Amino acid sequence: MNFVVEKKEKHSLITSKVEKLNNIVAPELKSEVVMLDKNGEASMIIDLSETRYCDSSGLSALLVANRLTKAAGGTLVIAGLQSSVEKLIQISQLHTVLNITPTVNEAVDLLSVSQVENDMNDED
């Protein structure tokens, strides 16, 4: 299994078990994200701490996840980037679009803050 999906109380955690997020496995990540979206999961964390390489297919899968979570009123957080993947994201200027944290725990904290902000905006 290339990705482990855990449903938590307020989000889903997708943990990558692959060293390379490339055109061979990126469709599987997209599929996991789409299935979670279809099941009503709005917020997701994708843990890439075991992934040392990412290509354009991998970036595309992350952007699909970002688009789906935003459309569902949720938030996507990418956690645990290795330096080579982080460099690619910065070169691609995607760090301005994606929520990125060093650890899954920090991602959970960010989701909590985002949820409070969304709830406050809904009350306005």
PDB file of N, CA and C in Angstrom:
ATOM      1  N   MET A   1       0.845  -1.180   0.000  1.00  0.00           N
ATOM      2  CA  MET A   1       0.000   0.000   0.000  1.00  0.00           C
ATOM      3  C   MET A   1       0.889   1.243   0.000  1.00  0.00           C
ATOM      4  N   ASN A   2       0.679   2.122  -0.967  1.00  0.00           N
ATOM      5  CA  ASN A   2       1.509   3.318  -1.111  1.00  0.00           C
ATOM      6  C   ASN A   2       1.079   4.471  -0.220  1.00  0.00           C
ATOM      7  N   PHE A   3      -0.210   4.488   0.156  1.00  0.00           N
ATOM      8  CA  PHE A   3      -0.739   5.565   0.991  1.00  0.00           C
ATOM      9  C   PHE A   3      -1.640   4.967   2.061  1.00  0.00           C
ATOM     10  N   VAL A   4      -1.475   5.442   3.280  1.00  0.00           N
ATOM     11  CA  VAL A   4      -2.314   4.997   4.387  1.00  0.00           C
ATOM     12  C   VAL A   4      -3.255   6.140   4.729  1.00  0.00           C
ATOM     13  N   VAL A   5      -4.554   5.854   4.742  1.00  0.00           N
ATOM     14  CA  VAL A   5      -5.558   6.873   5.031  1.00  0.00           C
ATOM     15  C   VAL A   5      -6.162   6.586   6.398  1.00  0.00           C
ATOM     16  N   GLU A   6      -6.114   7.597   7.266  1.00  0.00           N
ATOM     17  CA  GLU A   6      -6.723   7.493   8.588  1.00  0.00           C
ATOM     18  C   GLU A   6      -7.750   8.600   8.725  1.00  0.00           C
ATOM     19  N   LYS A   7      -8.971   8.215   9.059  1.00  0.00           N
ATOM     20  CA  LYS A   7     -10.011   9.215   9.273  1.00  0.00           C
ATOM     21  C   LYS A   7      -9.987   9.617  10.738  1.00  0.00           C
ATOM     22  N   LYS A   8      -9.793  10.893  10.959  1.00  0.00           N
ATOM     23  CA  LYS A   8      -9.784  11.456  12.304  1.00  0.00           C
ATOM     24  C   LYS A   8     -11.116  12.165  12.521  1.00  0.00           C
ATOM     25  N   GLU A   9     -11.257  12.790  13.681  1.00  0.00           N
ATOM     26  CA  GLU A   9     -12.527  13.435  14.003  1.00  0.00           C
ATOM     27  C   GLU A   9     -12.874  14.577  13.046  1.00  0.00           C
ATOM     28  N   LYS A  10     -11.888  15.440  12.760  1.00  0.00           N
ATOM     29  CA  LYS A  10     -12.186  16.624  11.956  1.00  0.00           C
ATOM     30  C   LYS A  10     -11.415  16.686  10.644  1.00  0.00           C
ATOM     31  N   HIS A  11     -10.656  15.640  10.341  1.00  0.00           N
ATOM     32  CA  HIS A  11      -9.885  15.620   9.095  1.00  0.00           C
ATOM     33  C   HIS A  11      -9.494  14.184   8.767  1.00  0.00           C
ATOM     34  N   SER A  12      -8.913  14.029   7.596  1.00  0.00           N
ATOM     35  CA  SER A  12      -8.325  12.748   7.209  1.00  0.00           C
ATOM     36  C   SER A  12      -6.835  12.942   7.047  1.00  0.00           C
ATOM     37  N   LEU A  13      -6.070  11.952   7.475  1.00  0.00           N
ATOM     38  CA  LEU A  13      -4.611  11.983   7.341  1.00  0.00           C
ATOM     39  C   LEU A  13      -4.213  10.966   6.290  1.00  0.00           C
ATOM     40  N   ILE A  14      -3.525  11.449   5.253  1.00  0.00           N
ATOM     41  CA  ILE A  14      -2.997  10.566   4.212  1.00  0.00           C
ATOM     42  C   ILE A  14      -1.484  10.535   4.409  1.00  0.00           C
ATOM     43  N   THR A  15      -0.957   9.365   4.712  1.00  0.00           N
ATOM     44  CA  THR A  15       0.481   9.213   4.913  1.00  0.00           C
ATOM     45  C   THR A  15       1.085   8.513   3.711  1.00  0.00           C
ATOM     46  N   SER A  16       2.027   9.181   3.081  1.00  0.00           N
ATOM     47  CA  SER A  16       2.719   8.607   1.931  1.00  0.00           C
ATOM     48  C   SER A  16       3.744   7.590   2.408  1.00  0.00           C
ATOM     49  N   LYS A  17       3.741   6.428   1.804  1.00  0.00           N
ATOM     50  CA  LYS A  17       4.700   5.374   2.126  1.00  0.00           C
ATOM     51  C   LYS A  17       5.657   5.148   0.959  1.00  0.00           C
ATOM     52  N   VAL A  18       5.721   6.116   0.058  1.00  0.00           N
ATOM     53  CA  VAL A  18       6.578   5.988  -1.118  1.00  0.00           C
ATOM     54  C   VAL A  18       7.738   6.972  -1.040  1.00  0.00           C
ATOM     55  N   GLU A  19       8.870   6.561  -1.587  1.00  0.00           N
ATOM     56  CA  GLU A  19      10.024   7.444  -1.642  1.00  0.00           C
ATOM     57  C   GLU A  19       9.884   8.450  -2.780  1.00  0.00           C
ATOM     58  N   LYS A  20       9.209   8.024  -3.854  1.00  0.00           N
ATOM     59  CA  LYS A  20       9.046   8.889  -5.025  1.00  0.00           C
ATOM     60  C   LYS A  20       7.569   9.086  -5.327  1.00  0.00           C
ATOM     61  N   LEU A  21       7.146  10.343  -5.271  1.00  0.00           N
ATOM     62  CA  LEU A  21       5.780  10.700  -5.658  1.00  0.00           C
ATOM     63  C   LEU A  21       5.859  11.151  -7.108  1.00  0.00           C
ATOM     64  N   ASN A  22       5.700  10.171  -8.004  1.00  0.00           N
ATOM     65  CA  ASN A  22       5.893  10.425  -9.433  1.00  0.00           C
ATOM     66  C   ASN A  22       4.679   9.956 -10.228  1.00  0.00           C
ATOM     67  N   ASN A  23       4.829   9.915 -11.543  1.00  0.00           N
ATOM     68  CA  ASN A  23       3.710   9.572 -12.422  1.00  0.00           C
ATOM     69  C   ASN A  23       3.204   8.150 -12.215  1.00  0.00           C
ATOM     70  N   ILE A  24       3.957   7.318 -11.532  1.00  0.00           N
ATOM     71  CA  ILE A  24       3.513   5.944 -11.279  1.00  0.00           C
ATOM     72  C   ILE A  24       2.547   5.883 -10.097  1.00  0.00           C
ATOM     73  N   VAL A  25       2.816   6.642  -9.035  1.00  0.00           N
ATOM     74  CA  VAL A  25       1.972   6.571  -7.836  1.00  0.00           C
ATOM     75  C   VAL A  25       1.059   7.783  -7.626  1.00  0.00           C
ATOM     76  N   ALA A  26       1.334   8.895  -8.302  1.00  0.00           N
ATOM     77  CA  ALA A  26       0.504  10.098  -8.133  1.00  0.00           C
ATOM     78  C   ALA A  26      -0.978   9.846  -8.441  1.00  0.00           C
ATOM     79  N   PRO A  27      -1.307   9.053  -9.466  1.00  0.00           N
ATOM     80  CA  PRO A  27      -2.732   8.781  -9.705  1.00  0.00           C
ATOM     81  C   PRO A  27      -3.416   8.096  -8.514  1.00  0.00           C
ATOM     82  N   GLU A  28      -2.668   7.269  -7.798  1.00  0.00           N
ATOM     83  CA  GLU A  28      -3.232   6.615  -6.609  1.00  0.00           C
ATOM     84  C   GLU A  28      -3.532   7.648  -5.520  1.00  0.00           C
ATOM     85  N   LEU A  29      -2.640   8.623  -5.347  1.00  0.00           N
ATOM     86  CA  LEU A  29      -2.890   9.684  -4.361  1.00  0.00           C
ATOM     87  C   LEU A  29      -4.118  10.496  -4.766  1.00  0.00           C
ATOM     88  N   LYS A  30      -4.203  10.845  -6.055  1.00  0.00           N
ATOM     89  CA  LYS A  30      -5.381  11.576  -6.539  1.00  0.00           C
ATOM     90  C   LYS A  30      -6.649  10.788  -6.262  1.00  0.00           C
ATOM     91  N   SER A  31      -6.595   9.486  -6.493  1.00  0.00           N
ATOM     92  CA  SER A  31      -7.751   8.624  -6.270  1.00  0.00           C
ATOM     93  C   SER A  31      -8.167   8.625  -4.798  1.00  0.00           C
ATOM     94  N   GLU A  32      -7.197   8.536  -3.903  1.00  0.00           N
ATOM     95  CA  GLU A  32      -7.495   8.573  -2.462  1.00  0.00           C
ATOM     96  C   GLU A  32      -8.171   9.889  -2.090  1.00  0.00           C
ATOM     97  N   VAL A  33      -7.637  10.982  -2.617  1.00  0.00           N
ATOM     98  CA  VAL A  33      -8.179  12.310  -2.316  1.00  0.00           C
ATOM     99  C   VAL A  33      -9.605  12.442  -2.848  1.00  0.00           C
ATOM    100  N   VAL A  34      -9.832  11.987  -4.068  1.00  0.00           N
ATOM    101  CA  VAL A  34     -11.165  12.068  -4.664  1.00  0.00           C
ATOM    102  C   VAL A  34     -12.161  11.225  -3.865  1.00  0.00           C
ATOM    103  N   MET A  35     -11.745  10.049  -3.427  1.00  0.00           N
ATOM    104  CA  MET A  35     -12.631   9.192  -2.626  1.00  0.00           C
ATOM    105  C   MET A  35     -12.986   9.865  -1.299  1.00  0.00           C
ATOM    106  N   LEU A  36     -12.004  10.461  -0.650  1.00  0.00           N
ATOM    107  CA  LEU A  36     -12.273  11.173   0.605  1.00  0.00           C
ATOM    108  C   LEU A  36     -13.242  12.329   0.370  1.00  0.00           C
ATOM    109  N   ASP A  37     -13.032  13.053  -0.727  1.00  0.00           N
ATOM    110  CA  ASP A  37     -13.915  14.160  -1.076  1.00  0.00           C
ATOM    111  C   ASP A  37     -15.338  13.661  -1.304  1.00  0.00           C
ATOM    112  N   LYS A  38     -15.478  12.571  -2.044  1.00  0.00           N
ATOM    113  CA  LYS A  38     -16.808  12.003  -2.322  1.00  0.00           C
ATOM    114  C   LYS A  38     -17.500  11.551  -1.032  1.00  0.00           C
ATOM    115  N   ASN A  39     -16.693  11.155  -0.027  1.00  0.00           N
ATOM    116  CA  ASN A  39     -17.248  10.713   1.253  1.00  0.00           C
ATOM    117  C   ASN A  39     -17.484  11.873   2.220  1.00  0.00           C
ATOM    118  N   GLY A  40     -17.316  13.097   1.727  1.00  0.00           N
ATOM    119  CA  GLY A  40     -17.631  14.257   2.541  1.00  0.00           C
ATOM    120  C   GLY A  40     -16.511  14.771   3.428  1.00  0.00           C
ATOM    121  N   GLU A  41     -15.309  14.290   3.217  1.00  0.00           N
ATOM    122  CA  GLU A  41     -14.173  14.770   4.004  1.00  0.00           C
ATOM    123  C   GLU A  41     -13.705  16.095   3.431  1.00  0.00           C
ATOM    124  N   ALA A  42     -13.775  17.158   4.233  1.00  0.00           N
ATOM    125  CA  ALA A  42     -13.422  18.481   3.722  1.00  0.00           C
ATOM    126  C   ALA A  42     -11.964  18.830   3.970  1.00  0.00           C
ATOM    127  N   SER A  43     -11.428  18.438   5.126  1.00  0.00           N
ATOM    128  CA  SER A  43     -10.058  18.812   5.480  1.00  0.00           C
ATOM    129  C   SER A  43      -9.151  17.593   5.485  1.00  0.00           C
ATOM    130  N   MET A  44      -7.947  17.790   4.949  1.00  0.00           N
ATOM    131  CA  MET A  44      -6.992  16.684   4.838  1.00  0.00           C
ATOM    132  C   MET A  44      -5.589  17.155   5.174  1.00  0.00           C
ATOM    133  N   ILE A  45      -4.821  16.211   5.716  1.00  0.00           N
ATOM    134  CA  ILE A  45      -3.393  16.406   5.911  1.00  0.00           C
ATOM    135  C   ILE A  45      -2.709  15.338   5.069  1.00  0.00           C
ATOM    136  N   ILE A  46      -1.730  15.744   4.286  1.00  0.00           N
ATOM    137  CA  ILE A  46      -0.930  14.783   3.532  1.00  0.00           C
ATOM    138  C   ILE A  46       0.480  14.818   4.113  1.00  0.00           C
ATOM    139  N   ASP A  47       0.881  13.698   4.707  1.00  0.00           N
ATOM    140  CA  ASP A  47       2.197  13.567   5.336  1.00  0.00           C
ATOM    141  C   ASP A  47       3.173  13.000   4.310  1.00  0.00           C
ATOM    142  N   LEU A  48       4.129  13.827   3.917  1.00  0.00           N
ATOM    143  CA  LEU A  48       5.113  13.417   2.915  1.00  0.00           C
ATOM    144  C   LEU A  48       6.497  13.190   3.530  1.00  0.00           C
ATOM    145  N   SER A  49       6.555  12.915   4.822  1.00  0.00           N
ATOM    146  CA  SER A  49       7.853  12.786   5.492  1.00  0.00           C
ATOM    147  C   SER A  49       8.694  11.622   4.978  1.00  0.00           C
ATOM    148  N   GLU A  50       8.074  10.611   4.361  1.00  0.00           N
ATOM    149  CA  GLU A  50       8.831   9.480   3.809  1.00  0.00           C
ATOM    150  C   GLU A  50       9.127   9.656   2.318  1.00  0.00           C
ATOM    151  N   THR A  51       8.658  10.759   1.736  1.00  0.00           N
ATOM    152  CA  THR A  51       8.810  10.992   0.302  1.00  0.00           C
ATOM    153  C   THR A  51       9.984  11.925   0.051  1.00  0.00           C
ATOM    154  N   ARG A  52      10.978  11.421  -0.695  1.00  0.00           N
ATOM    155  CA  ARG A  52      12.185  12.186  -0.943  1.00  0.00           C
ATOM    156  C   ARG A  52      12.239  12.830  -2.332  1.00  0.00           C
ATOM    157  N   TYR A  53      11.296  12.456  -3.200  1.00  0.00           N
ATOM    158  CA  TYR A  53      11.294  12.958  -4.571  1.00  0.00           C
ATOM    159  C   TYR A  53       9.852  13.182  -5.006  1.00  0.00           C
ATOM    160  N   CYS A  54       9.650  14.244  -5.774  1.00  0.00           N
ATOM    161  CA  CYS A  54       8.329  14.535  -6.314  1.00  0.00           C
ATOM    162  C   CYS A  54       8.508  15.133  -7.701  1.00  0.00           C
ATOM    163  N   ASP A  55       7.664  14.714  -8.640  1.00  0.00           N
ATOM    164  CA  ASP A  55       7.704  15.306  -9.974  1.00  0.00           C
ATOM    165  C   ASP A  55       6.408  16.077 -10.224  1.00  0.00           C
ATOM    166  N   SER A  56       6.209  16.512 -11.454  1.00  0.00           N
ATOM    167  CA  SER A  56       5.031  17.329 -11.774  1.00  0.00           C
ATOM    168  C   SER A  56       3.722  16.570 -11.542  1.00  0.00           C
ATOM    169  N   SER A  57       3.737  15.258 -11.703  1.00  0.00           N
ATOM    170  CA  SER A  57       2.532  14.463 -11.437  1.00  0.00           C
ATOM    171  C   SER A  57       2.180  14.501  -9.957  1.00  0.00           C
ATOM    172  N   GLY A  58       3.197  14.448  -9.115  1.00  0.00           N
ATOM    173  CA  GLY A  58       2.979  14.540  -7.676  1.00  0.00           C
ATOM    174  C   GLY A  58       2.445  15.902  -7.275  1.00  0.00           C
ATOM    175  N   LEU A  59       3.030  16.952  -7.866  1.00  0.00           N
ATOM    176  CA  LEU A  59       2.537  18.307  -7.594  1.00  0.00           C
ATOM    177  C   LEU A  59       1.088  18.453  -8.038  1.00  0.00           C
ATOM    178  N   SER A  60       0.765  17.864  -9.163  1.00  0.00           N
ATOM    179  CA  SER A  60      -0.606  17.915  -9.668  1.00  0.00           C
ATOM    180  C   SER A  60      -1.567  17.257  -8.678  1.00  0.00           C
ATOM    181  N   ALA A  61      -1.171  16.119  -8.102  1.00  0.00           N
ATOM    182  CA  ALA A  61      -2.019  15.436  -7.125  1.00  0.00           C
ATOM    183  C   ALA A  61      -2.252  16.322  -5.900  1.00  0.00           C
ATOM    184  N   LEU A  62      -1.208  17.031  -5.467  1.00  0.00           N
ATOM    185  CA  LEU A  62      -1.356  17.937  -4.321  1.00  0.00           C
ATOM    186  C   LEU A  62      -2.295  19.095  -4.656  1.00  0.00           C
ATOM    187  N   LEU A  63      -2.194  19.603  -5.883  1.00  0.00           N
ATOM    188  CA  LEU A  63      -3.075  20.702  -6.294  1.00  0.00           C
ATOM    189  C   LEU A  63      -4.528  20.250  -6.413  1.00  0.00           C
ATOM    190  N   VAL A  64      -4.748  19.024  -6.862  1.00  0.00           N
ATOM    191  CA  VAL A  64      -6.109  18.470  -6.905  1.00  0.00           C
ATOM    192  C   VAL A  64      -6.672  18.405  -5.488  1.00  0.00           C
ATOM    193  N   ALA A  65      -5.859  17.915  -4.559  1.00  0.00           N
ATOM    194  CA  ALA A  65      -6.297  17.833  -3.162  1.00  0.00           C
ATOM    195  C   ALA A  65      -6.625  19.218  -2.621  1.00  0.00           C
ATOM    196  N   ASN A  66      -5.794  20.192  -2.939  1.00  0.00           N
ATOM    197  CA  ASN A  66      -6.020  21.557  -2.471  1.00  0.00           C
ATOM    198  C   ASN A  66      -7.327  22.120  -3.026  1.00  0.00           C
ATOM    199  N   ARG A  67      -7.542  21.897  -4.316  1.00  0.00           N
ATOM    200  CA  ARG A  67      -8.763  22.404  -4.965  1.00  0.00           C
ATOM    201  C   ARG A  67     -10.019  21.766  -4.376  1.00  0.00           C
ATOM    202  N   LEU A  68      -9.983  20.445  -4.172  1.00  0.00           N
ATOM    203  CA  LEU A  68     -11.156  19.741  -3.651  1.00  0.00           C
ATOM    204  C   LEU A  68     -11.472  20.147  -2.214  1.00  0.00           C
ATOM    205  N   THR A  69     -10.438  20.280  -1.390  1.00  0.00           N
ATOM    206  CA  THR A  69     -10.697  20.658   0.005  1.00  0.00           C
ATOM    207  C   THR A  69     -11.256  22.086   0.084  1.00  0.00           C
ATOM    208  N   LYS A  70     -10.716  22.987  -0.720  1.00  0.00           N
ATOM    209  CA  LYS A  70     -11.239  24.365  -0.723  1.00  0.00           C
ATOM    210  C   LYS A  70     -12.692  24.389  -1.193  1.00  0.00           C
ATOM    211  N   ALA A  71     -12.988  23.628  -2.234  1.00  0.00           N
ATOM    212  CA  ALA A  71     -14.358  23.588  -2.751  1.00  0.00           C
ATOM    213  C   ALA A  71     -15.334  23.023  -1.725  1.00  0.00           C
ATOM    214  N   ALA A  72     -14.836  22.155  -0.844  1.00  0.00           N
ATOM    215  CA  ALA A  72     -15.678  21.549   0.188  1.00  0.00           C
ATOM    216  C   ALA A  72     -15.723  22.392   1.461  1.00  0.00           C
ATOM    217  N   GLY A  73     -15.065  23.560   1.433  1.00  0.00           N
ATOM    218  CA  GLY A  73     -15.053  24.420   2.607  1.00  0.00           C
ATOM    219  C   GLY A  73     -14.050  23.994   3.660  1.00  0.00           C
ATOM    220  N   GLY A  74     -13.103  23.166   3.261  1.00  0.00           N
ATOM    221  CA  GLY A  74     -12.098  22.675   4.204  1.00  0.00           C
ATOM    222  C   GLY A  74     -10.721  23.231   3.896  1.00  0.00           C
ATOM    223  N   THR A  75      -9.716  22.537   4.433  1.00  0.00           N
ATOM    224  CA  THR A  75      -8.332  22.978   4.290  1.00  0.00           C
ATOM    225  C   THR A  75      -7.449  21.772   4.026  1.00  0.00           C
ATOM    226  N   LEU A  76      -6.453  21.969   3.185  1.00  0.00           N
ATOM    227  CA  LEU A  76      -5.419  20.958   2.963  1.00  0.00           C
ATOM    228  C   LEU A  76      -4.131  21.462   3.592  1.00  0.00           C
ATOM    229  N   VAL A  77      -3.439  20.572   4.310  1.00  0.00           N
ATOM    230  CA  VAL A  77      -2.127  20.902   4.852  1.00  0.00           C
ATOM    231  C   VAL A  77      -1.160  19.805   4.431  1.00  0.00           C
ATOM    232  N   ILE A  78      -0.018  20.207   3.905  1.00  0.00           N
ATOM    233  CA  ILE A  78       1.051  19.286   3.537  1.00  0.00           C
ATOM    234  C   ILE A  78       2.071  19.324   4.675  1.00  0.00           C
ATOM    235  N   ALA A  79       2.451  18.156   5.177  1.00  0.00           N
ATOM    236  CA  ALA A  79       3.369  18.098   6.322  1.00  0.00           C
ATOM    237  C   ALA A  79       4.595  17.252   6.003  1.00  0.00           C
ATOM    238  N   GLY A  80       5.682  17.571   6.686  1.00  0.00           N
ATOM    239  CA  GLY A  80       6.875  16.735   6.669  1.00  0.00           C
ATOM    240  C   GLY A  80       7.649  16.722   5.365  1.00  0.00           C
ATOM    241  N   LEU A  81       7.758  17.864   4.710  1.00  0.00           N
ATOM    242  CA  LEU A  81       8.461  17.887   3.422  1.00  0.00           C
ATOM    243  C   LEU A  81       9.958  17.644   3.587  1.00  0.00           C
ATOM    244  N   GLN A  82      10.488  16.752   2.763  1.00  0.00           N
ATOM    245  CA  GLN A  82      11.931  16.581   2.666  1.00  0.00           C
ATOM    246  C   GLN A  82      12.484  17.766   1.879  1.00  0.00           C
ATOM    247  N   SER A  83      13.751  18.074   2.062  1.00  0.00           N
ATOM    248  CA  SER A  83      14.320  19.292   1.454  1.00  0.00           C
ATOM    249  C   SER A  83      14.185  19.316  -0.069  1.00  0.00           C
ATOM    250  N   SER A  84      14.376  18.174  -0.737  1.00  0.00           N
ATOM    251  CA  SER A  84      14.288  18.167  -2.204  1.00  0.00           C
ATOM    252  C   SER A  84      12.862  18.446  -2.681  1.00  0.00           C
ATOM    253  N   VAL A  85      11.865  17.925  -1.963  1.00  0.00           N
ATOM    254  CA  VAL A  85      10.464  18.172  -2.325  1.00  0.00           C
ATOM    255  C   VAL A  85      10.103  19.625  -2.004  1.00  0.00           C
ATOM    256  N   GLU A  86      10.589  20.108  -0.886  1.00  0.00           N
ATOM    257  CA  GLU A  86      10.323  21.494  -0.502  1.00  0.00           C
ATOM    258  C   GLU A  86      10.908  22.467  -1.538  1.00  0.00           C
ATOM    259  N   LYS A  87      12.101  22.163  -2.043  1.00  0.00           N
ATOM    260  CA  LYS A  87      12.727  23.014  -3.064  1.00  0.00           C
ATOM    261  C   LYS A  87      11.876  23.053  -4.330  1.00  0.00           C
ATOM    262  N   LEU A  88      11.375  21.897  -4.756  1.00  0.00           N
ATOM    263  CA  LEU A  88      10.534  21.840  -5.955  1.00  0.00           C
ATOM    264  C   LEU A  88       9.272  22.674  -5.761  1.00  0.00           C
ATOM    265  N   ILE A  89       8.671  22.570  -4.587  1.00  0.00           N
ATOM    266  CA  ILE A  89       7.459  23.338  -4.304  1.00  0.00           C
ATOM    267  C   ILE A  89       7.761  24.835  -4.333  1.00  0.00           C
ATOM    268  N   GLN A  90       8.911  25.226  -3.801  1.00  0.00           N
ATOM    269  CA  GLN A  90       9.267  26.643  -3.817  1.00  0.00           C
ATOM    270  C   GLN A  90       9.593  27.134  -5.227  1.00  0.00           C
ATOM    271  N   ILE A  91      10.329  26.330  -5.991  1.00  0.00           N
ATOM    272  CA  ILE A  91      10.646  26.695  -7.376  1.00  0.00           C
ATOM    273  C   ILE A  91       9.359  26.860  -8.183  1.00  0.00           C
ATOM    274  N   SER A  92       8.384  26.007  -7.902  1.00  0.00           N
ATOM    275  CA  SER A  92       7.094  26.048  -8.603  1.00  0.00           C
ATOM    276  C   SER A  92       6.174  27.135  -8.064  1.00  0.00           C
ATOM    277  N   GLN A  93       6.628  27.855  -7.041  1.00  0.00           N
ATOM    278  CA  GLN A  93       5.837  28.911  -6.396  1.00  0.00           C
ATOM    279  C   GLN A  93       4.572  28.370  -5.721  1.00  0.00           C
ATOM    280  N   LEU A  94       4.532  27.077  -5.451  1.00  0.00           N
ATOM    281  CA  LEU A  94       3.336  26.494  -4.840  1.00  0.00           C
ATOM    282  C   LEU A  94       3.293  26.710  -3.331  1.00  0.00           C
ATOM    283  N   HIS A  95       4.417  27.123  -2.740  1.00  0.00           N
ATOM    284  CA  HIS A  95       4.412  27.419  -1.310  1.00  0.00           C
ATOM    285  C   HIS A  95       3.513  28.621  -1.003  1.00  0.00           C
ATOM    286  N   THR A  96       3.177  29.401  -2.036  1.00  0.00           N
ATOM    287  CA  THR A  96       2.271  30.532  -1.844  1.00  0.00           C
ATOM    288  C   THR A  96       0.809  30.089  -1.901  1.00  0.00           C
ATOM    289  N   VAL A  97       0.566  28.874  -2.393  1.00  0.00           N
ATOM    290  CA  VAL A  97      -0.788  28.353  -2.567  1.00  0.00           C
ATOM    291  C   VAL A  97      -1.117  27.294  -1.515  1.00  0.00           C
ATOM    292  N   LEU A  98      -0.142  26.468  -1.195  1.00  0.00           N
ATOM    293  CA  LEU A  98      -0.359  25.341  -0.280  1.00  0.00           C
ATOM    294  C   LEU A  98      -0.045  25.714   1.162  1.00  0.00           C
ATOM    295  N   ASN A  99      -0.777  25.104   2.093  1.00  0.00           N
ATOM    296  CA  ASN A  99      -0.463  25.214   3.520  1.00  0.00           C
ATOM    297  C   ASN A  99       0.562  24.134   3.834  1.00  0.00           C
ATOM    298  N   ILE A 100       1.718  24.531   4.356  1.00  0.00           N
ATOM    299  CA  ILE A 100       2.807  23.590   4.609  1.00  0.00           C
ATOM    300  C   ILE A 100       3.268  23.740   6.052  1.00  0.00           C
ATOM    301  N   THR A 101       3.424  22.604   6.739  1.00  0.00           N
ATOM    302  CA  THR A 101       3.951  22.609   8.102  1.00  0.00           C
ATOM    303  C   THR A 101       5.062  21.559   8.205  1.00  0.00           C
ATOM    304  N   PRO A 102       5.978  21.753   9.161  1.00  0.00           N
ATOM    305  CA  PRO A 102       7.068  20.786   9.319  1.00  0.00           C
ATOM    306  C   PRO A 102       6.616  19.416   9.825  1.00  0.00           C
ATOM    307  N   THR A 103       5.560  19.387  10.655  1.00  0.00           N
ATOM    308  CA  THR A 103       5.127  18.118  11.254  1.00  0.00           C
ATOM    309  C   THR A 103       3.617  17.935  11.135  1.00  0.00           C
ATOM    310  N   VAL A 104       3.173  16.701  11.325  1.00  0.00           N
ATOM    311  CA  VAL A 104       1.736  16.410  11.310  1.00  0.00           C
ATOM    312  C   VAL A 104       1.051  17.106  12.483  1.00  0.00           C
ATOM    313  N   ASN A 105       1.696  17.126  13.654  1.00  0.00           N
ATOM    314  CA  ASN A 105       1.096  17.802  14.818  1.00  0.00           C
ATOM    315  C   ASN A 105       0.836  19.272  14.531  1.00  0.00           C
ATOM    316  N   GLU A 106       1.781  19.929  13.880  1.00  0.00           N
ATOM    317  CA  GLU A 106       1.587  21.338  13.524  1.00  0.00           C
ATOM    318  C   GLU A 106       0.489  21.484  12.473  1.00  0.00           C
ATOM    319  N   ALA A 107       0.361  20.495  11.612  1.00  0.00           N
ATOM    320  CA  ALA A 107      -0.718  20.513  10.616  1.00  0.00           C
ATOM    321  C   ALA A 107      -2.077  20.422  11.300  1.00  0.00           C
ATOM    322  N   VAL A 108      -2.178  19.570  12.319  1.00  0.00           N
ATOM    323  CA  VAL A 108      -3.426  19.443  13.072  1.00  0.00           C
ATOM    324  C   VAL A 108      -3.760  20.776  13.744  1.00  0.00           C
ATOM    325  N   ASP A 109      -2.746  21.419  14.316  1.00  0.00           N
ATOM    326  CA  ASP A 109      -2.960  22.725  14.945  1.00  0.00           C
ATOM    327  C   ASP A 109      -3.446  23.751  13.925  1.00  0.00           C
ATOM    328  N   LEU A 110      -2.836  23.755  12.742  1.00  0.00           N
ATOM    329  CA  LEU A 110      -3.233  24.694  11.688  1.00  0.00           C
ATOM    330  C   LEU A 110      -4.681  24.448  11.263  1.00  0.00           C
ATOM    331  N   LEU A 111      -5.060  23.177  11.152  1.00  0.00           N
ATOM    332  CA  LEU A 111      -6.447  22.861  10.795  1.00  0.00           C
ATOM    333  C   LEU A 111      -7.413  23.357  11.862  1.00  0.00           C
ATOM    334  N   SER A 112      -7.037  23.233  13.109  1.00  0.00           N
ATOM    335  CA  SER A 112      -7.897  23.706  14.203  1.00  0.00           C
ATOM    336  C   SER A 112      -8.114  25.207  14.105  1.00  0.00           C
ATOM    337  N   VAL A 113      -7.043  25.941  13.839  1.00  0.00           N
ATOM    338  CA  VAL A 113      -7.139  27.397  13.691  1.00  0.00           C
ATOM    339  C   VAL A 113      -8.003  27.737  12.478  1.00  0.00           C
ATOM    340  N   SER A 114      -7.790  27.027  11.377  1.00  0.00           N
ATOM    341  CA  SER A 114      -8.577  27.279  10.159  1.00  0.00           C
ATOM    342  C   SER A 114     -10.060  27.020  10.402  1.00  0.00           C
ATOM    343  N   GLN A 115     -10.364  25.970  11.163  1.00  0.00           N
ATOM    344  CA  GLN A 115     -11.759  25.635  11.451  1.00  0.00           C
ATOM    345  C   GLN A 115     -12.417  26.730  12.285  1.00  0.00           C
ATOM    346  N   VAL A 116     -11.694  27.245  13.279  1.00  0.00           N
ATOM    347  CA  VAL A 116     -12.233  28.337  14.112  1.00  0.00           C
ATOM    348  C   VAL A 116     -12.486  29.570  13.241  1.00  0.00           C
ATOM    349  N   GLU A 117     -11.521  29.881  12.353  1.00  0.00           N
ATOM    350  CA  GLU A 117     -11.711  31.036  11.473  1.00  0.00           C
ATOM    351  C   GLU A 117     -12.902  30.851  10.547  1.00  0.00           C
ATOM    352  N   ASN A 118     -13.048  29.630  10.001  1.00  0.00           N
ATOM    353  CA  ASN A 118     -14.193  29.354   9.123  1.00  0.00           C
ATOM    354  C   ASN A 118     -15.499  29.498   9.883  1.00  0.00           C
ATOM    355  N   ASP A 119     -15.526  28.984  11.126  1.00  0.00           N
ATOM    356  CA  ASP A 119     -16.746  29.079  11.940  1.00  0.00           C
ATOM    357  C   ASP A 119     -17.086  30.537  12.232  1.00  0.00           C
ATOM    358  N   MET A 120     -16.055  31.343  12.505  1.00  0.00           N
ATOM    359  CA  MET A 120     -16.296  32.766  12.784  1.00  0.00           C
ATOM    360  C   MET A 120     -16.805  33.486  11.533  1.00  0.00           C
ATOM    361  N   ASN A 121     -16.269  33.137  10.366  1.00  0.00           N
ATOM    362  CA  ASN A 121     -16.710  33.747   9.116  1.00  0.00           C
ATOM    363  C   ASN A 121     -18.134  33.347   8.782  1.00  0.00           C
ATOM    364  N   ASP A 122     -18.508  32.105   9.130  1.00  0.00           N
ATOM    365  CA  ASP A 122     -19.865  31.638   8.864  1.00  0.00           C
ATOM    366  C   ASP A 122     -20.888  32.403   9.694  1.00  0.00           C
ATOM    367  N   GLU A 123     -20.475  32.882  10.885  1.00  0.00           N
ATOM    368  CA  GLU A 123     -21.387  33.604  11.759  1.00  0.00           C
ATOM    369  C   GLU A 123     -21.640  35.023  11.278  1.00  0.00           C
ATOM    370  N   ASP A 124     -20.727  35.551  10.480  1.00  0.00           N
ATOM    371  CA  ASP A 124     -20.864  36.948  10.017  1.00  0.00           C
ATOM    372  C   ASP A 124     -22.002  37.120   9.035  1.00  0.00           C
TER     373      ASP A 124
END
